[in-house]
């Protein structure tokens, strides 16, 4: 959903000048940012790391999430100045799509398993 919202923000002409549609699409992207990557960064690590290193693994996952957030906030204005809204939002859409691919292909499913079994 984040990828779709970012693509809409990138490719719909003059969307940033239409307050209501822009706010709805931006709001959806923000909601799914908290719903998707936030859950992967904060909930998932508490399930997948062995008990003896769970807090360390959770801390590293949280730190990487913060580092990714910093990088995005730092790079976005440069992309916006260099390639405009199209470039900046397209980069956000690409990053979101990569996140989906990594999550679906590299992270083990934990549903129905005990913490010890995972």
C-alpha atoms as a PDB file:
ATOM      1  CA  UNK A   1       0.000   0.000   0.000  1.00  0.00           C
ATOM      2  CA  UNK A   2       2.904   2.335   0.703  1.00  0.00           C
ATOM      3  CA  UNK A   3       4.314   1.641  -2.745  1.00  0.00           C
ATOM      4  CA  UNK A   4       0.953   2.382  -4.365  1.00  0.00           C
ATOM      5  CA  UNK A   5       0.507   5.594  -2.361  1.00  0.00           C
ATOM      6  CA  UNK A   6       4.004   6.809  -3.200  1.00  0.00           C
ATOM      7  CA  UNK A   7       3.482   6.011  -6.890  1.00  0.00           C
ATOM      8  CA  UNK A   8       0.242   7.999  -6.862  1.00  0.00           C
ATOM      9  CA  UNK A   9       2.037  10.915  -5.228  1.00  0.00           C
ATOM     10  CA  UNK A  10       4.762  10.664  -7.877  1.00  0.00           C
ATOM     11  CA  UNK A  11       2.749  10.189 -11.043  1.00  0.00           C
ATOM     12  CA  UNK A  12      -0.576  11.999 -10.585  1.00  0.00           C
ATOM     13  CA  UNK A  13       0.025  15.430 -12.137  1.00  0.00           C
ATOM     14  CA  UNK A  14      -0.307  18.407  -9.782  1.00  0.00           C
ATOM     15  CA  UNK A  15      -1.575  16.225  -6.929  1.00  0.00           C
ATOM     16  CA  UNK A  16       0.380  18.289  -4.403  1.00  0.00           C
ATOM     17  CA  UNK A  17      -1.752  21.290  -5.398  1.00  0.00           C
ATOM     18  CA  UNK A  18      -5.043  19.475  -4.653  1.00  0.00           C
ATOM     19  CA  UNK A  19      -5.302  19.558  -0.861  1.00  0.00           C
ATOM     20  CA  UNK A  20      -7.942  16.906  -0.150  1.00  0.00           C
ATOM     21  CA  UNK A  21      -6.731  14.121  -2.496  1.00  0.00           C
ATOM     22  CA  UNK A  22      -3.115  14.800  -1.502  1.00  0.00           C
ATOM     23  CA  UNK A  23      -3.909  14.602   2.220  1.00  0.00           C
ATOM     24  CA  UNK A  24      -5.911  11.395   1.766  1.00  0.00           C
ATOM     25  CA  UNK A  25      -3.139   9.662  -0.189  1.00  0.00           C
ATOM     26  CA  UNK A  26      -0.420  10.988   2.124  1.00  0.00           C
ATOM     27  CA  UNK A  27      -2.472   9.903   5.136  1.00  0.00           C
ATOM     28  CA  UNK A  28      -2.799   6.396   3.704  1.00  0.00           C
ATOM     29  CA  UNK A  29       0.944   6.221   3.073  1.00  0.00           C
ATOM     30  CA  UNK A  30       1.620   7.355   6.642  1.00  0.00           C
ATOM     31  CA  UNK A  31      -0.872   4.852   8.084  1.00  0.00           C
ATOM     32  CA  UNK A  32       0.684   1.961   6.187  1.00  0.00           C
ATOM     33  CA  UNK A  33       4.173   3.123   7.158  1.00  0.00           C
ATOM     34  CA  UNK A  34       3.198   2.552  10.782  1.00  0.00           C
ATOM     35  CA  UNK A  35       1.212  -0.594   9.977  1.00  0.00           C
ATOM     36  CA  UNK A  36       3.877  -2.351   7.861  1.00  0.00           C
ATOM     37  CA  UNK A  37       7.547  -1.530   8.461  1.00  0.00           C
ATOM     38  CA  UNK A  38       6.867  -0.448  12.018  1.00  0.00           C
ATOM     39  CA  UNK A  39       5.468  -3.879  12.862  1.00  0.00           C
ATOM     40  CA  UNK A  40       8.347  -5.591  11.069  1.00  0.00           C
ATOM     41  CA  UNK A  41      10.891  -3.517  12.983  1.00  0.00           C
ATOM     42  CA  UNK A  42       9.357  -3.693  16.463  1.00  0.00           C
ATOM     43  CA  UNK A  43       7.091  -6.747  16.744  1.00  0.00           C
ATOM     44  CA  UNK A  44       8.754  -9.304  14.508  1.00  0.00           C
ATOM     45  CA  UNK A  45      12.236  -9.235  16.159  1.00  0.00           C
ATOM     46  CA  UNK A  46      10.724 -10.196  19.508  1.00  0.00           C
ATOM     47  CA  UNK A  47       9.518 -13.420  17.855  1.00  0.00           C
ATOM     48  CA  UNK A  48      12.423 -14.508  15.674  1.00  0.00           C
ATOM     49  CA  UNK A  49      15.515 -14.106  17.847  1.00  0.00           C
ATOM     50  CA  UNK A  50      16.429 -16.853  20.326  1.00  0.00           C
ATOM     51  CA  UNK A  51      15.576 -16.015  23.939  1.00  0.00           C
ATOM     52  CA  UNK A  52      19.222 -15.612  25.018  1.00  0.00           C
ATOM     53  CA  UNK A  53      19.843 -12.846  22.428  1.00  0.00           C
ATOM     54  CA  UNK A  54      16.310 -11.536  21.947  1.00  0.00           C
ATOM     55  CA  UNK A  55      16.905  -8.126  23.555  1.00  0.00           C
ATOM     56  CA  UNK A  56      20.121  -7.601  21.592  1.00  0.00           C
ATOM     57  CA  UNK A  57      18.451  -8.601  18.338  1.00  0.00           C
ATOM     58  CA  UNK A  58      15.486  -6.368  19.101  1.00  0.00           C
ATOM     59  CA  UNK A  59      17.827  -3.455  19.829  1.00  0.00           C
ATOM     60  CA  UNK A  60      19.734  -3.960  16.591  1.00  0.00           C
ATOM     61  CA  UNK A  61      16.474  -4.160  14.610  1.00  0.00           C
ATOM     62  CA  UNK A  62      15.226  -0.950  16.246  1.00  0.00           C
ATOM     63  CA  UNK A  63      18.530   0.791  15.542  1.00  0.00           C
ATOM     64  CA  UNK A  64      18.432  -0.237  11.879  1.00  0.00           C
ATOM     65  CA  UNK A  65      14.887   1.081  11.622  1.00  0.00           C
ATOM     66  CA  UNK A  66      16.010   4.417  13.052  1.00  0.00           C
ATOM     67  CA  UNK A  67      19.008   4.486  10.713  1.00  0.00           C
ATOM     68  CA  UNK A  68      16.744   3.838   7.717  1.00  0.00           C
ATOM     69  CA  UNK A  69      14.383   6.589   8.866  1.00  0.00           C
ATOM     70  CA  UNK A  70      17.300   8.996   9.210  1.00  0.00           C
ATOM     71  CA  UNK A  71      18.630   8.117   5.764  1.00  0.00           C
ATOM     72  CA  UNK A  72      15.224   8.629   4.170  1.00  0.00           C
ATOM     73  CA  UNK A  73      14.636  11.989   5.830  1.00  0.00           C
ATOM     74  CA  UNK A  74      18.175  13.089   4.962  1.00  0.00           C
ATOM     75  CA  UNK A  75      18.090  11.997   1.306  1.00  0.00           C
ATOM     76  CA  UNK A  76      14.499  13.014   0.454  1.00  0.00           C
ATOM     77  CA  UNK A  77      15.147  16.807   0.222  1.00  0.00           C
ATOM     78  CA  UNK A  78      18.118  16.236  -2.093  1.00  0.00           C
ATOM     79  CA  UNK A  79      16.033  13.984  -4.349  1.00  0.00           C
ATOM     80  CA  UNK A  80      13.235  16.556  -4.276  1.00  0.00           C
ATOM     81  CA  UNK A  81      15.599  19.345  -5.321  1.00  0.00           C
ATOM     82  CA  UNK A  82      17.381  17.209  -7.920  1.00  0.00           C
ATOM     83  CA  UNK A  83      14.475  15.387  -9.614  1.00  0.00           C
ATOM     84  CA  UNK A  84      11.371  17.027  -8.123  1.00  0.00           C
ATOM     85  CA  UNK A  85       8.430  15.264  -6.538  1.00  0.00           C
ATOM     86  CA  UNK A  86       8.460  12.582  -9.230  1.00  0.00           C
ATOM     87  CA  UNK A  87      12.009  11.506  -8.363  1.00  0.00           C
ATOM     88  CA  UNK A  88      11.620  11.721  -4.605  1.00  0.00           C
ATOM     89  CA  UNK A  89       8.318   9.832  -4.433  1.00  0.00           C
ATOM     90  CA  UNK A  90       9.500   7.289  -7.015  1.00  0.00           C
ATOM     91  CA  UNK A  91      12.527   6.564  -4.828  1.00  0.00           C
ATOM     92  CA  UNK A  92      10.206   6.117  -1.833  1.00  0.00           C
ATOM     93  CA  UNK A  93       8.036   3.738  -3.887  1.00  0.00           C
ATOM     94  CA  UNK A  94      11.082   1.721  -4.961  1.00  0.00           C
ATOM     95  CA  UNK A  95      12.317   1.483  -1.360  1.00  0.00           C
ATOM     96  CA  UNK A  96       8.855   0.328  -0.267  1.00  0.00           C
ATOM     97  CA  UNK A  97       8.705  -2.293  -3.015  1.00  0.00           C
ATOM     98  CA  UNK A  98      12.147  -3.598  -2.026  1.00  0.00           C
ATOM     99  CA  UNK A  99      10.922  -3.798   1.577  1.00  0.00           C
ATOM    100  CA  UNK A 100       7.950  -5.929   0.509  1.00  0.00           C
ATOM    101  CA  UNK A 101      10.163  -8.263  -1.517  1.00  0.00           C
ATOM    102  CA  UNK A 102      12.680  -8.668   1.317  1.00  0.00           C
ATOM    103  CA  UNK A 103       9.927  -9.250   3.881  1.00  0.00           C
ATOM    104  CA  UNK A 104       8.126 -11.858   1.797  1.00  0.00           C
ATOM    105  CA  UNK A 105      11.203 -13.760   0.634  1.00  0.00           C
ATOM    106  CA  UNK A 106      13.688 -13.555   3.501  1.00  0.00           C
ATOM    107  CA  UNK A 107      11.748 -13.491   6.774  1.00  0.00           C
ATOM    108  CA  UNK A 108      10.470 -16.774   8.210  1.00  0.00           C
ATOM    109  CA  UNK A 109       6.760 -17.174   8.993  1.00  0.00           C
ATOM    110  CA  UNK A 110       6.102 -17.267  12.744  1.00  0.00           C
ATOM    111  CA  UNK A 111       2.360 -17.874  12.760  1.00  0.00           C
ATOM    112  CA  UNK A 112       1.275 -20.853  14.850  1.00  0.00           C
ATOM    113  CA  UNK A 113       4.754 -21.559  16.227  1.00  0.00           C
ATOM    114  CA  UNK A 114       5.921 -21.226  19.803  1.00  0.00           C
ATOM    115  CA  UNK A 115       8.679 -18.736  20.606  1.00  0.00           C
ATOM    116  CA  UNK A 116      11.005 -21.615  21.472  1.00  0.00           C
ATOM    117  CA  UNK A 117      10.357 -23.345  18.123  1.00  0.00           C
ATOM    118  CA  UNK A 118      11.054 -20.195  16.134  1.00  0.00           C
END
